[in-house]
Amino acid sequence: MSNEKNSQQLTHLNQQGEANMVDVSNKQTTIRTATAEGYIRMSAQTLALIDSGEHKKGDVFAVARIAGIQAAKKCSDLIPLCHPLMLTKVQVDFTLDKANNQVRVETLCRLSGQTGVEMEALTAASVACLTLFDMCKAVDPGMLIHGIRVLEKQGGKSGHWQSTNQGES
């Protein structure tokens, strides 16, 4: 295998095919941002309960927001080859989609560093969805988490990338 990077080469494998944490020490420090999304579909009654703020567990969005932020900060503890990062911003937003009985979770992660923050944004979206599930499972165990994906990333050598897929709804 050549030392030159091929666009098809997996960067988390060394020349022997073993797991390898990528060395980013020679990468340029830039402002890097990633946004991700995820959805949780539920019954109309559960969505109405969340929307009205009358869920007996309290403000489910506040709890899910904190969980998403914490998850982004702990990403390297969960994903073995992720670098521990000093995030400078984590944002978790919720949008009720009443037409499809679901909540859309959108996350943003940012830092000034040598590696991207896509995994942190994806982890924040995933854990926020999981927390909504946990908060509401007693009233709606059939909820469906879906559509977790990166929407956009900026910074670093690869520059700006934006999804061209339409997303989930």
N, C-alpha and C. Protein backbone atom coordinates (compact mmCIF):
# COMPACT_ATOMS: atom_id res chain seq x y z
N MET A 1 0.85 -1.17 0.00
CA MET A 1 0.00 0.00 0.00
C MET A 1 0.89 1.24 0.00
N SER A 2 0.59 2.20 -0.82
CA SER A 2 1.36 3.43 -0.93
C SER A 2 1.13 4.35 0.26
N ASN A 3 2.14 5.17 0.58
CA ASN A 3 1.99 6.16 1.64
C ASN A 3 1.14 7.34 1.21
N GLU A 4 1.00 7.54 -0.09
CA GLU A 4 0.17 8.64 -0.58
C GLU A 4 -1.30 8.34 -0.29
N LYS A 5 -2.00 9.40 0.12
CA LYS A 5 -3.42 9.21 0.43
C LYS A 5 -4.22 9.06 -0.84
N ASN A 6 -5.04 8.08 -0.86
CA ASN A 6 -5.98 7.85 -1.94
C ASN A 6 -7.34 8.25 -1.41
N SER A 7 -8.17 8.85 -2.23
CA SER A 7 -9.49 9.30 -1.75
C SER A 7 -10.34 8.13 -1.27
N GLN A 8 -9.99 6.91 -1.66
CA GLN A 8 -10.75 5.72 -1.23
C GLN A 8 -10.13 5.05 0.00
N GLN A 9 -8.98 5.54 0.47
CA GLN A 9 -8.29 4.94 1.60
C GLN A 9 -9.00 5.29 2.91
N LEU A 10 -9.12 4.29 3.78
CA LEU A 10 -9.69 4.52 5.10
C LEU A 10 -8.60 5.05 6.01
N THR A 11 -8.80 6.24 6.58
CA THR A 11 -7.74 6.88 7.36
C THR A 11 -7.59 6.29 8.75
N HIS A 12 -8.55 5.54 9.23
CA HIS A 12 -8.45 4.98 10.58
C HIS A 12 -7.86 3.57 10.58
N LEU A 13 -7.23 3.19 9.47
CA LEU A 13 -6.51 1.92 9.39
C LEU A 13 -5.06 2.21 9.03
N ASN A 14 -4.12 1.52 9.69
CA ASN A 14 -2.72 1.70 9.33
C ASN A 14 -2.37 0.78 8.16
N GLN A 15 -1.10 0.74 7.79
CA GLN A 15 -0.68 -0.06 6.63
C GLN A 15 -0.90 -1.56 6.82
N GLN A 16 -1.02 -2.00 8.06
CA GLN A 16 -1.28 -3.41 8.34
C GLN A 16 -2.79 -3.69 8.47
N GLY A 17 -3.61 -2.68 8.27
CA GLY A 17 -5.05 -2.85 8.37
C GLY A 17 -5.58 -2.80 9.79
N GLU A 18 -4.75 -2.33 10.72
CA GLU A 18 -5.15 -2.26 12.13
C GLU A 18 -5.76 -0.90 12.44
N ALA A 19 -6.61 -0.85 13.46
CA ALA A 19 -7.20 0.41 13.90
C ALA A 19 -6.10 1.39 14.26
N ASN A 20 -6.30 2.65 13.87
CA ASN A 20 -5.26 3.66 14.01
C ASN A 20 -5.90 5.02 14.23
N MET A 21 -5.50 5.70 15.30
CA MET A 21 -5.96 7.07 15.50
C MET A 21 -5.12 7.98 14.60
N VAL A 22 -5.78 8.75 13.76
CA VAL A 22 -5.11 9.61 12.79
C VAL A 22 -4.28 10.67 13.52
N ASP A 23 -3.05 10.87 13.06
CA ASP A 23 -2.18 11.90 13.61
C ASP A 23 -2.52 13.23 12.94
N VAL A 24 -3.07 14.17 13.71
CA VAL A 24 -3.46 15.47 13.16
C VAL A 24 -2.49 16.57 13.55
N SER A 25 -1.34 16.22 14.12
CA SER A 25 -0.41 17.23 14.64
C SER A 25 0.11 18.17 13.56
N ASN A 26 0.17 17.74 12.32
CA ASN A 26 0.66 18.60 11.24
C ASN A 26 -0.46 19.31 10.49
N LYS A 27 -1.69 19.08 10.88
CA LYS A 27 -2.81 19.76 10.22
C LYS A 27 -2.92 21.20 10.70
N GLN A 28 -3.38 22.05 9.81
CA GLN A 28 -3.54 23.46 10.13
C GLN A 28 -4.72 23.66 11.08
N THR A 29 -4.54 24.53 12.05
CA THR A 29 -5.62 24.90 12.96
C THR A 29 -6.54 25.87 12.23
N THR A 30 -7.81 25.50 12.09
CA THR A 30 -8.81 26.36 11.46
C THR A 30 -10.10 26.28 12.26
N ILE A 31 -10.99 27.21 12.00
CA ILE A 31 -12.32 27.14 12.60
C ILE A 31 -13.09 26.07 11.83
N ARG A 32 -13.61 25.11 12.55
CA ARG A 32 -14.32 23.98 11.95
C ARG A 32 -15.72 23.91 12.56
N THR A 33 -16.70 23.72 11.70
CA THR A 33 -18.09 23.68 12.12
C THR A 33 -18.77 22.51 11.43
N ALA A 34 -19.68 21.87 12.13
CA ALA A 34 -20.51 20.81 11.52
C ALA A 34 -21.92 20.93 12.07
N THR A 35 -22.90 20.68 11.19
CA THR A 35 -24.29 20.59 11.62
C THR A 35 -24.80 19.21 11.25
N ALA A 36 -25.67 18.70 12.09
CA ALA A 36 -26.26 17.37 11.87
C ALA A 36 -27.74 17.45 12.25
N GLU A 37 -28.47 16.44 11.84
CA GLU A 37 -29.88 16.37 12.20
C GLU A 37 -30.27 14.94 12.50
N GLY A 38 -31.39 14.81 13.19
CA GLY A 38 -32.01 13.53 13.46
C GLY A 38 -33.48 13.76 13.73
N TYR A 39 -34.27 12.74 13.61
CA TYR A 39 -35.72 12.84 13.81
C TYR A 39 -36.19 11.76 14.77
N ILE A 40 -37.25 12.07 15.49
CA ILE A 40 -37.94 11.06 16.28
C ILE A 40 -39.43 11.19 16.01
N ARG A 41 -39.96 10.13 15.41
CA ARG A 41 -41.38 10.07 15.07
C ARG A 41 -42.14 9.44 16.23
N MET A 42 -43.32 9.96 16.50
CA MET A 42 -44.12 9.52 17.65
C MET A 42 -45.60 9.68 17.33
N SER A 43 -46.42 9.27 18.26
CA SER A 43 -47.86 9.44 18.07
C SER A 43 -48.23 10.92 18.17
N ALA A 44 -49.34 11.28 17.59
CA ALA A 44 -49.82 12.66 17.65
C ALA A 44 -50.07 13.07 19.10
N GLN A 45 -50.53 12.14 19.91
CA GLN A 45 -50.80 12.44 21.32
C GLN A 45 -49.51 12.77 22.07
N THR A 46 -48.46 12.03 21.81
CA THR A 46 -47.18 12.29 22.47
C THR A 46 -46.62 13.63 22.03
N LEU A 47 -46.70 13.92 20.75
CA LEU A 47 -46.22 15.21 20.25
C LEU A 47 -47.00 16.35 20.88
N ALA A 48 -48.31 16.18 21.00
CA ALA A 48 -49.15 17.22 21.63
C ALA A 48 -48.78 17.40 23.10
N LEU A 49 -48.48 16.32 23.78
CA LEU A 49 -48.07 16.38 25.19
C LEU A 49 -46.77 17.18 25.35
N ILE A 50 -45.82 16.93 24.46
CA ILE A 50 -44.55 17.67 24.47
C ILE A 50 -44.81 19.13 24.15
N ASP A 51 -45.59 19.38 23.12
CA ASP A 51 -45.86 20.74 22.66
C ASP A 51 -46.56 21.58 23.73
N SER A 52 -47.45 20.97 24.46
CA SER A 52 -48.21 21.70 25.49
C SER A 52 -47.38 21.93 26.76
N GLY A 53 -46.26 21.23 26.90
CA GLY A 53 -45.44 21.35 28.10
C GLY A 53 -46.04 20.64 29.29
N GLU A 54 -47.02 19.73 29.04
CA GLU A 54 -47.72 19.05 30.13
C GLU A 54 -47.20 17.64 30.39
N HIS A 55 -46.05 17.32 29.85
CA HIS A 55 -45.47 16.00 30.11
C HIS A 55 -45.11 15.92 31.59
N LYS A 56 -45.47 14.82 32.24
CA LYS A 56 -45.26 14.72 33.69
C LYS A 56 -43.79 14.74 34.09
N LYS A 57 -42.88 14.47 33.13
CA LYS A 57 -41.44 14.53 33.44
C LYS A 57 -40.88 15.94 33.27
N GLY A 58 -41.73 16.89 32.90
CA GLY A 58 -41.28 18.27 32.77
C GLY A 58 -40.90 18.64 31.35
N ASP A 59 -39.98 19.59 31.23
CA ASP A 59 -39.55 20.13 29.94
C ASP A 59 -38.60 19.14 29.26
N VAL A 60 -39.16 18.29 28.41
CA VAL A 60 -38.34 17.25 27.77
C VAL A 60 -37.29 17.84 26.84
N PHE A 61 -37.58 18.99 26.24
CA PHE A 61 -36.59 19.61 25.35
C PHE A 61 -35.39 20.13 26.14
N ALA A 62 -35.61 20.67 27.32
CA ALA A 62 -34.49 21.16 28.14
C ALA A 62 -33.56 20.01 28.50
N VAL A 63 -34.13 18.89 28.89
CA VAL A 63 -33.31 17.73 29.26
C VAL A 63 -32.58 17.18 28.04
N ALA A 64 -33.27 17.07 26.91
CA ALA A 64 -32.64 16.55 25.69
C ALA A 64 -31.55 17.49 25.17
N ARG A 65 -31.75 18.79 25.33
CA ARG A 65 -30.74 19.77 24.91
C ARG A 65 -29.45 19.58 25.72
N ILE A 66 -29.60 19.49 27.04
CA ILE A 66 -28.42 19.28 27.90
C ILE A 66 -27.75 17.95 27.55
N ALA A 67 -28.53 16.91 27.33
CA ALA A 67 -27.97 15.60 26.98
C ALA A 67 -27.18 15.67 25.68
N GLY A 68 -27.72 16.37 24.68
CA GLY A 68 -27.02 16.52 23.40
C GLY A 68 -25.71 17.26 23.55
N ILE A 69 -25.73 18.34 24.35
CA ILE A 69 -24.50 19.10 24.58
C ILE A 69 -23.47 18.24 25.29
N GLN A 70 -23.89 17.53 26.33
CA GLN A 70 -22.97 16.65 27.06
C GLN A 70 -22.41 15.55 26.16
N ALA A 71 -23.26 15.01 25.30
CA ALA A 71 -22.82 13.94 24.40
C ALA A 71 -21.74 14.44 23.44
N ALA A 72 -21.92 15.63 22.89
CA ALA A 72 -20.90 16.18 21.99
C ALA A 72 -19.57 16.32 22.72
N LYS A 73 -19.62 16.76 23.97
CA LYS A 73 -18.41 16.95 24.76
C LYS A 73 -17.74 15.62 25.11
N LYS A 74 -18.50 14.53 25.13
CA LYS A 74 -17.98 13.21 25.51
C LYS A 74 -17.78 12.28 24.31
N CYS A 75 -17.85 12.80 23.11
CA CYS A 75 -17.79 11.98 21.90
C CYS A 75 -16.56 11.07 21.88
N SER A 76 -15.41 11.60 22.24
CA SER A 76 -14.20 10.76 22.18
C SER A 76 -14.21 9.64 23.21
N ASP A 77 -15.06 9.74 24.23
CA ASP A 77 -15.22 8.64 25.19
C ASP A 77 -16.11 7.53 24.63
N LEU A 78 -16.91 7.87 23.64
CA LEU A 78 -17.88 6.92 23.07
C LEU A 78 -17.39 6.29 21.77
N ILE A 79 -16.72 7.06 20.94
CA ILE A 79 -16.25 6.59 19.63
C ILE A 79 -14.74 6.40 19.75
N PRO A 80 -14.25 5.18 19.69
CA PRO A 80 -12.86 4.89 20.07
C PRO A 80 -11.77 5.70 19.39
N LEU A 81 -11.89 6.04 18.11
CA LEU A 81 -10.78 6.70 17.42
C LEU A 81 -10.99 8.20 17.24
N CYS A 82 -12.01 8.76 17.88
CA CYS A 82 -12.22 10.21 17.85
C CYS A 82 -11.20 10.90 18.74
N HIS A 83 -10.77 12.07 18.30
CA HIS A 83 -9.87 12.87 19.11
C HIS A 83 -10.67 13.63 20.17
N PRO A 84 -10.12 13.75 21.38
CA PRO A 84 -10.77 14.62 22.37
C PRO A 84 -10.65 16.07 21.88
N LEU A 85 -11.75 16.79 21.87
CA LEU A 85 -11.75 18.13 21.30
C LEU A 85 -12.18 19.17 22.32
N MET A 86 -11.66 20.38 22.16
CA MET A 86 -12.07 21.52 22.97
C MET A 86 -13.11 22.30 22.18
N LEU A 87 -14.36 21.84 22.26
CA LEU A 87 -15.44 22.49 21.54
C LEU A 87 -15.65 23.90 22.09
N THR A 88 -15.88 24.84 21.18
CA THR A 88 -16.15 26.21 21.61
C THR A 88 -17.63 26.54 21.53
N LYS A 89 -18.41 25.71 20.83
CA LYS A 89 -19.86 25.92 20.76
C LYS A 89 -20.54 24.59 20.46
N VAL A 90 -21.60 24.33 21.18
CA VAL A 90 -22.51 23.22 20.88
C VAL A 90 -23.92 23.77 21.00
N GLN A 91 -24.70 23.58 19.96
CA GLN A 91 -26.08 24.07 19.96
C GLN A 91 -27.00 22.92 19.57
N VAL A 92 -28.12 22.79 20.27
CA VAL A 92 -29.10 21.75 19.99
C VAL A 92 -30.46 22.43 19.90
N ASP A 93 -31.11 22.31 18.74
CA ASP A 93 -32.41 22.94 18.50
C ASP A 93 -33.45 21.89 18.12
N PHE A 94 -34.69 22.17 18.47
CA PHE A 94 -35.81 21.26 18.20
C PHE A 94 -36.88 21.97 17.39
N THR A 95 -37.43 21.27 16.42
CA THR A 95 -38.55 21.78 15.63
C THR A 95 -39.64 20.71 15.62
N LEU A 96 -40.85 21.11 16.01
CA LEU A 96 -41.98 20.18 15.95
C LEU A 96 -42.51 20.14 14.53
N ASP A 97 -42.66 18.94 14.00
CA ASP A 97 -43.22 18.71 12.66
C ASP A 97 -44.55 18.00 12.87
N LYS A 98 -45.58 18.78 13.07
CA LYS A 98 -46.90 18.21 13.40
C LYS A 98 -47.50 17.44 12.24
N ALA A 99 -47.17 17.81 11.03
CA ALA A 99 -47.71 17.11 9.85
C ALA A 99 -47.23 15.66 9.80
N ASN A 100 -46.02 15.41 10.32
CA ASN A 100 -45.45 14.06 10.29
C ASN A 100 -45.30 13.45 11.67
N ASN A 101 -45.88 14.09 12.69
CA ASN A 101 -45.82 13.59 14.08
C ASN A 101 -44.39 13.27 14.50
N GLN A 102 -43.53 14.27 14.35
CA GLN A 102 -42.14 14.04 14.73
C GLN A 102 -41.48 15.34 15.19
N VAL A 103 -40.34 15.14 15.83
CA VAL A 103 -39.50 16.25 16.25
C VAL A 103 -38.21 16.15 15.45
N ARG A 104 -37.81 17.27 14.89
CA ARG A 104 -36.51 17.35 14.20
C ARG A 104 -35.51 17.95 15.19
N VAL A 105 -34.37 17.29 15.32
CA VAL A 105 -33.28 17.77 16.16
C VAL A 105 -32.18 18.23 15.22
N GLU A 106 -31.72 19.46 15.40
CA GLU A 106 -30.58 19.95 14.62
C GLU A 106 -29.50 20.39 15.59
N THR A 107 -28.27 19.95 15.31
CA THR A 107 -27.15 20.28 16.18
C THR A 107 -26.06 21.00 15.41
N LEU A 108 -25.31 21.81 16.12
CA LEU A 108 -24.17 22.51 15.57
C LEU A 108 -23.02 22.38 16.55
N CYS A 109 -21.84 22.04 16.03
CA CYS A 109 -20.63 21.99 16.85
C CYS A 109 -19.56 22.81 16.15
N ARG A 110 -18.76 23.54 16.96
CA ARG A 110 -17.71 24.40 16.41
C ARG A 110 -16.49 24.37 17.33
N LEU A 111 -15.33 24.56 16.70
CA LEU A 111 -14.08 24.73 17.43
C LEU A 111 -13.05 25.36 16.52
N SER A 112 -11.95 25.76 17.12
CA SER A 112 -10.76 26.15 16.38
C SER A 112 -9.77 25.03 16.66
N GLY A 113 -9.51 24.21 15.64
CA GLY A 113 -8.69 23.04 15.89
C GLY A 113 -8.16 22.41 14.63
N GLN A 114 -7.62 21.19 14.80
CA GLN A 114 -6.94 20.48 13.73
C GLN A 114 -7.73 19.31 13.17
N THR A 115 -8.94 19.10 13.66
CA THR A 115 -9.76 18.02 13.14
C THR A 115 -11.22 18.43 13.18
N GLY A 116 -12.02 17.80 12.34
CA GLY A 116 -13.42 18.18 12.20
C GLY A 116 -14.30 17.77 13.37
N VAL A 117 -15.53 18.25 13.35
CA VAL A 117 -16.46 18.04 14.45
C VAL A 117 -17.75 17.34 14.01
N GLU A 118 -17.69 16.61 12.89
CA GLU A 118 -18.88 15.91 12.42
C GLU A 118 -19.36 14.86 13.42
N MET A 119 -18.43 14.11 13.99
CA MET A 119 -18.84 13.05 14.92
C MET A 119 -19.50 13.65 16.16
N GLU A 120 -19.02 14.79 16.60
CA GLU A 120 -19.61 15.44 17.77
C GLU A 120 -21.03 15.92 17.45
N ALA A 121 -21.24 16.47 16.27
CA ALA A 121 -22.58 16.92 15.88
C ALA A 121 -23.53 15.73 15.74
N LEU A 122 -23.05 14.64 15.14
CA LEU A 122 -23.87 13.43 15.00
C LEU A 122 -24.20 12.82 16.36
N THR A 123 -23.22 12.79 17.25
CA THR A 123 -23.43 12.24 18.59
C THR A 123 -24.44 13.08 19.36
N ALA A 124 -24.34 14.40 19.25
CA ALA A 124 -25.29 15.29 19.92
C ALA A 124 -26.72 15.04 19.41
N ALA A 125 -26.88 14.91 18.09
CA ALA A 125 -28.21 14.67 17.53
C ALA A 125 -28.75 13.31 17.97
N SER A 126 -27.89 12.30 17.95
CA SER A 126 -28.31 10.95 18.34
C SER A 126 -28.75 10.90 19.80
N VAL A 127 -27.95 11.47 20.69
CA VAL A 127 -28.26 11.39 22.11
C VAL A 127 -29.45 12.29 22.47
N ALA A 128 -29.61 13.41 21.78
CA ALA A 128 -30.81 14.22 22.02
C ALA A 128 -32.06 13.43 21.63
N CYS A 129 -32.02 12.73 20.50
CA CYS A 129 -33.15 11.88 20.09
C CYS A 129 -33.38 10.76 21.10
N LEU A 130 -32.30 10.12 21.53
CA LEU A 130 -32.42 9.05 22.52
C LEU A 130 -33.02 9.56 23.83
N THR A 131 -32.66 10.76 24.22
CA THR A 131 -33.19 11.33 25.45
C THR A 131 -34.68 11.62 25.31
N LEU A 132 -35.09 12.14 24.16
CA LEU A 132 -36.52 12.34 23.93
C LEU A 132 -37.26 11.01 24.02
N PHE A 133 -36.66 9.97 23.45
CA PHE A 133 -37.25 8.63 23.54
C PHE A 133 -37.37 8.21 25.00
N ASP A 134 -36.30 8.37 25.75
CA ASP A 134 -36.30 7.97 27.16
C ASP A 134 -37.35 8.73 27.96
N MET A 135 -37.48 10.01 27.70
CA MET A 135 -38.43 10.83 28.44
C MET A 135 -39.89 10.46 28.12
N CYS A 136 -40.12 9.94 26.93
CA CYS A 136 -41.50 9.70 26.47
C CYS A 136 -41.87 8.23 26.30
N LYS A 137 -40.94 7.30 26.55
CA LYS A 137 -41.19 5.89 26.27
C LYS A 137 -42.34 5.30 27.07
N ALA A 138 -42.61 5.82 28.25
CA ALA A 138 -43.71 5.28 29.07
C ALA A 138 -45.07 5.52 28.42
N VAL A 139 -45.19 6.62 27.68
CA VAL A 139 -46.47 6.92 27.02
C VAL A 139 -46.48 6.51 25.55
N ASP A 140 -45.27 6.26 24.97
CA ASP A 140 -45.21 5.94 23.54
C ASP A 140 -43.97 5.08 23.23
N PRO A 141 -44.02 3.78 23.56
CA PRO A 141 -42.84 2.93 23.34
C PRO A 141 -42.55 2.63 21.88
N GLY A 142 -43.44 3.00 20.97
CA GLY A 142 -43.25 2.71 19.55
C GLY A 142 -42.60 3.83 18.76
N MET A 143 -41.99 4.79 19.42
CA MET A 143 -41.34 5.90 18.70
C MET A 143 -40.22 5.37 17.80
N LEU A 144 -39.92 6.14 16.77
CA LEU A 144 -38.91 5.74 15.78
C LEU A 144 -37.89 6.86 15.62
N ILE A 145 -36.63 6.56 15.88
CA ILE A 145 -35.54 7.50 15.64
C ILE A 145 -35.00 7.21 14.24
N HIS A 146 -34.83 8.26 13.45
CA HIS A 146 -34.38 8.04 12.07
C HIS A 146 -33.71 9.29 11.51
N GLY A 147 -33.10 9.13 10.35
CA GLY A 147 -32.58 10.26 9.58
C GLY A 147 -31.39 10.98 10.19
N ILE A 148 -30.60 10.32 11.00
CA ILE A 148 -29.44 10.98 11.60
C ILE A 148 -28.36 11.10 10.54
N ARG A 149 -27.92 12.34 10.29
CA ARG A 149 -26.94 12.57 9.22
C ARG A 149 -26.25 13.92 9.39
N VAL A 150 -25.12 14.08 8.74
CA VAL A 150 -24.43 15.36 8.67
C VAL A 150 -25.10 16.19 7.59
N LEU A 151 -25.38 17.44 7.92
CA LEU A 151 -25.96 18.36 6.95
C LEU A 151 -24.89 19.20 6.25
N GLU A 152 -23.90 19.62 7.04
CA GLU A 152 -22.90 20.53 6.49
C GLU A 152 -21.66 20.51 7.37
N LYS A 153 -20.51 20.73 6.74
CA LYS A 153 -19.27 20.90 7.50
C LYS A 153 -18.42 21.95 6.81
N GLN A 154 -17.67 22.69 7.63
CA GLN A 154 -16.82 23.75 7.10
C GLN A 154 -15.50 23.74 7.84
N GLY A 155 -14.45 24.18 7.14
CA GLY A 155 -13.13 24.32 7.74
C GLY A 155 -12.20 23.19 7.35
N GLY A 156 -10.94 23.41 7.62
CA GLY A 156 -9.95 22.40 7.30
C GLY A 156 -9.59 22.39 5.83
N LYS A 157 -8.75 21.42 5.46
CA LYS A 157 -8.26 21.31 4.09
C LYS A 157 -9.38 21.06 3.08
N SER A 158 -10.39 20.28 3.51
CA SER A 158 -11.47 19.94 2.57
C SER A 158 -12.47 21.07 2.39
N GLY A 159 -12.39 22.11 3.21
CA GLY A 159 -13.24 23.28 3.01
C GLY A 159 -14.69 23.05 3.38
N HIS A 160 -15.58 23.49 2.52
CA HIS A 160 -17.02 23.46 2.78
C HIS A 160 -17.66 22.28 2.07
N TRP A 161 -18.48 21.53 2.81
CA TRP A 161 -19.26 20.44 2.24
C TRP A 161 -20.68 20.58 2.75
N GLN A 162 -21.64 20.38 1.85
CA GLN A 162 -23.05 20.44 2.24
C GLN A 162 -23.78 19.27 1.59
N SER A 163 -24.66 18.65 2.37
CA SER A 163 -25.44 17.53 1.86
C SER A 163 -26.35 17.97 0.73
N THR A 164 -26.44 17.13 -0.27
CA THR A 164 -27.37 17.41 -1.37
C THR A 164 -28.61 16.54 -1.27
N ASN A 165 -28.64 15.65 -0.26
CA ASN A 165 -29.82 14.80 -0.04
C ASN A 165 -30.94 15.62 0.53
N GLN A 166 -32.16 15.20 0.29
CA GLN A 166 -33.34 15.92 0.77
C GLN A 166 -33.62 15.71 2.24
N GLY A 167 -33.08 14.71 2.85
CA GLY A 167 -33.34 14.49 4.27
C GLY A 167 -34.58 13.69 4.52
N GLU A 168 -34.86 13.50 5.79
CA GLU A 168 -35.98 12.67 6.23
C GLU A 168 -37.15 13.54 6.64
N SER A 169 -38.32 13.06 6.38
CA SER A 169 -39.50 13.76 6.93
C SER A 169 -40.65 12.85 7.10
